[in-house]
C-alpha atoms as a PDB file:
ATOM      1  CA  UNK A   1       0.603   0.040  -0.047  1.00  0.00           C
ATOM      2  CA  UNK A   2       2.581   2.706   0.673  1.00  0.00           C
ATOM      3  CA  UNK A   3       4.798   2.064  -2.389  1.00  0.00           C
ATOM      4  CA  UNK A   4       1.382   2.804  -4.370  1.00  0.00           C
ATOM      5  CA  UNK A   5       0.190   6.095  -2.382  1.00  0.00           C
ATOM      6  CA  UNK A   6       4.386   6.878  -3.061  1.00  0.00           C
ATOM      7  CA  UNK A   7       3.850   6.236  -6.808  1.00  0.00           C
ATOM      8  CA  UNK A   8       0.192   8.446  -6.436  1.00  0.00           C
ATOM      9  CA  UNK A   9       2.115  11.676  -4.600  1.00  0.00           C
ATOM     10  CA  UNK A  10       5.039  11.736  -6.882  1.00  0.00           C
ATOM     11  CA  UNK A  11       3.099  11.714  -9.899  1.00  0.00           C
ATOM     12  CA  UNK A  12       1.326  14.563  -8.054  1.00  0.00           C
ATOM     13  CA  UNK A  13       3.891  16.917  -7.581  1.00  0.00           C
ATOM     14  CA  UNK A  14       2.079  19.351  -5.506  1.00  0.00           C
ATOM     15  CA  UNK A  15       1.183  16.374  -3.039  1.00  0.00           C
ATOM     16  CA  UNK A  16       4.017  14.727  -3.469  1.00  0.00           C
ATOM     17  CA  UNK A  17       6.812  17.205  -2.812  1.00  0.00           C
ATOM     18  CA  UNK A  18       4.944  19.680  -0.210  1.00  0.00           C
ATOM     19  CA  UNK A  19       4.295  19.211   3.394  1.00  0.00           C
ATOM     20  CA  UNK A  20       1.045  17.132   2.616  1.00  0.00           C
ATOM     21  CA  UNK A  21       2.928  14.295   0.821  1.00  0.00           C
ATOM     22  CA  UNK A  22       5.768  14.637   3.791  1.00  0.00           C
ATOM     23  CA  UNK A  23       2.999  14.194   6.323  1.00  0.00           C
ATOM     24  CA  UNK A  24       1.585  11.230   4.469  1.00  0.00           C
ATOM     25  CA  UNK A  25       5.123   9.452   4.034  1.00  0.00           C
ATOM     26  CA  UNK A  26       5.903   9.814   7.554  1.00  0.00           C
ATOM     27  CA  UNK A  27       3.005   7.256   8.295  1.00  0.00           C
ATOM     28  CA  UNK A  28       4.778   4.543   6.738  1.00  0.00           C
ATOM     29  CA  UNK A  29       8.392   5.437   7.546  1.00  0.00           C
ATOM     30  CA  UNK A  30      10.189   3.450   9.496  1.00  0.00           C
ATOM     31  CA  UNK A  31      11.287   4.630  13.082  1.00  0.00           C
ATOM     32  CA  UNK A  32      14.643   5.897  13.929  1.00  0.00           C
ATOM     33  CA  UNK A  33      17.343   3.744  14.201  1.00  0.00           C
ATOM     34  CA  UNK A  34      18.258   2.536  17.897  1.00  0.00           C
ATOM     35  CA  UNK A  35      21.181   4.062  19.242  1.00  0.00           C
ATOM     36  CA  UNK A  36      23.979   1.443  18.875  1.00  0.00           C
ATOM     37  CA  UNK A  37      22.332   0.577  15.348  1.00  0.00           C
ATOM     38  CA  UNK A  38      25.775   0.798  13.833  1.00  0.00           C
ATOM     39  CA  UNK A  39      27.828  -0.405  16.645  1.00  0.00           C
ATOM     40  CA  UNK A  40      30.931  -2.633  15.150  1.00  0.00           C
ATOM     41  CA  UNK A  41      30.803  -0.659  11.885  1.00  0.00           C
ATOM     42  CA  UNK A  42      33.324   1.471  10.209  1.00  0.00           C
ATOM     43  CA  UNK A  43      31.955   4.050   7.870  1.00  0.00           C
ATOM     44  CA  UNK A  44      34.205   7.098   6.253  1.00  0.00           C
ATOM     45  CA  UNK A  45      32.614  10.483   5.675  1.00  0.00           C
ATOM     46  CA  UNK A  46      33.887  12.783   2.782  1.00  0.00           C
ATOM     47  CA  UNK A  47      33.361  16.107   2.784  1.00  0.00           C
ATOM     48  CA  UNK A  48      33.241  15.773   6.960  1.00  0.00           C
ATOM     49  CA  UNK A  49      33.876  19.658   7.857  1.00  0.00           C
ATOM     50  CA  UNK A  50      30.781  21.037   7.041  1.00  0.00           C
ATOM     51  CA  UNK A  51      27.280  20.593   5.795  1.00  0.00           C
ATOM     52  CA  UNK A  52      25.859  17.014   4.972  1.00  0.00           C
ATOM     53  CA  UNK A  53      29.155  15.433   5.488  1.00  0.00           C
ATOM     54  CA  UNK A  54      29.695  16.954   9.055  1.00  0.00           C
ATOM     55  CA  UNK A  55      25.640  16.151   9.878  1.00  0.00           C
ATOM     56  CA  UNK A  56      26.130  12.479   8.438  1.00  0.00           C
ATOM     57  CA  UNK A  57      29.556  11.957  10.435  1.00  0.00           C
ATOM     58  CA  UNK A  58      27.641  13.062  13.805  1.00  0.00           C
ATOM     59  CA  UNK A  59      24.698  10.912  12.919  1.00  0.00           C
ATOM     60  CA  UNK A  60      26.673   7.854  11.986  1.00  0.00           C
ATOM     61  CA  UNK A  61      29.004   8.546  15.453  1.00  0.00           C
ATOM     62  CA  UNK A  62      25.619   9.007  17.248  1.00  0.00           C
ATOM     63  CA  UNK A  63      24.481   5.494  16.027  1.00  0.00           C
ATOM     64  CA  UNK A  64      27.913   3.950  17.688  1.00  0.00           C
ATOM     65  CA  UNK A  65      29.711   3.600  14.225  1.00  0.00           C
ATOM     66  CA  UNK A  66      33.728   4.046  13.973  1.00  0.00           C
ATOM     67  CA  UNK A  67      34.100   7.069  11.785  1.00  0.00           C
ATOM     68  CA  UNK A  68      36.675   8.491   9.770  1.00  0.00           C
ATOM     69  CA  UNK A  69      36.460  11.428   8.513  1.00  0.00           C
ATOM     70  CA  UNK A  70      38.429  13.008   4.975  1.00  0.00           C
ATOM     71  CA  UNK A  71      38.582  16.542   4.201  1.00  0.00           C
ATOM     72  CA  UNK A  72      40.921  18.965   2.474  1.00  0.00           C
ATOM     73  CA  UNK A  73      41.678  21.394   5.469  1.00  0.00           C
ATOM     74  CA  UNK A  74      43.587  19.221   8.054  1.00  0.00           C
ATOM     75  CA  UNK A  75      43.181  21.867  10.726  1.00  0.00           C
ATOM     76  CA  UNK A  76      39.737  21.451  10.200  1.00  0.00           C
ATOM     77  CA  UNK A  77      39.109  18.173   9.989  1.00  0.00           C
ATOM     78  CA  UNK A  78      41.240  17.300  13.158  1.00  0.00           C
ATOM     79  CA  UNK A  79      38.541  19.996  14.566  1.00  0.00           C
ATOM     80  CA  UNK A  80      35.607  18.468  13.720  1.00  0.00           C
ATOM     81  CA  UNK A  81      36.891  14.897  14.705  1.00  0.00           C
ATOM     82  CA  UNK A  82      37.556  16.088  17.912  1.00  0.00           C
ATOM     83  CA  UNK A  83      33.554  17.846  18.540  1.00  0.00           C
ATOM     84  CA  UNK A  84      32.249  14.526  17.186  1.00  0.00           C
ATOM     85  CA  UNK A  85      34.162  12.519  19.748  1.00  0.00           C
END
């Protein structure tokens, strides 16, 4: 049922890409992952000093993963690693 509703929402751009579509999709989205869902996993994140890369690195760390950061600026990368720890 979820896939059918998702297809209908996508085809009607107004419903699919507004708050209406988002609220409807949340009804069948899975719950958030448990705190240690990624324990024992290793993740490499590029662009980890800002924006989406930093947000992903923080999220993976919260989920218990060992996170390896890659960035162009060594000082910034080290600072972000310290903040994530």
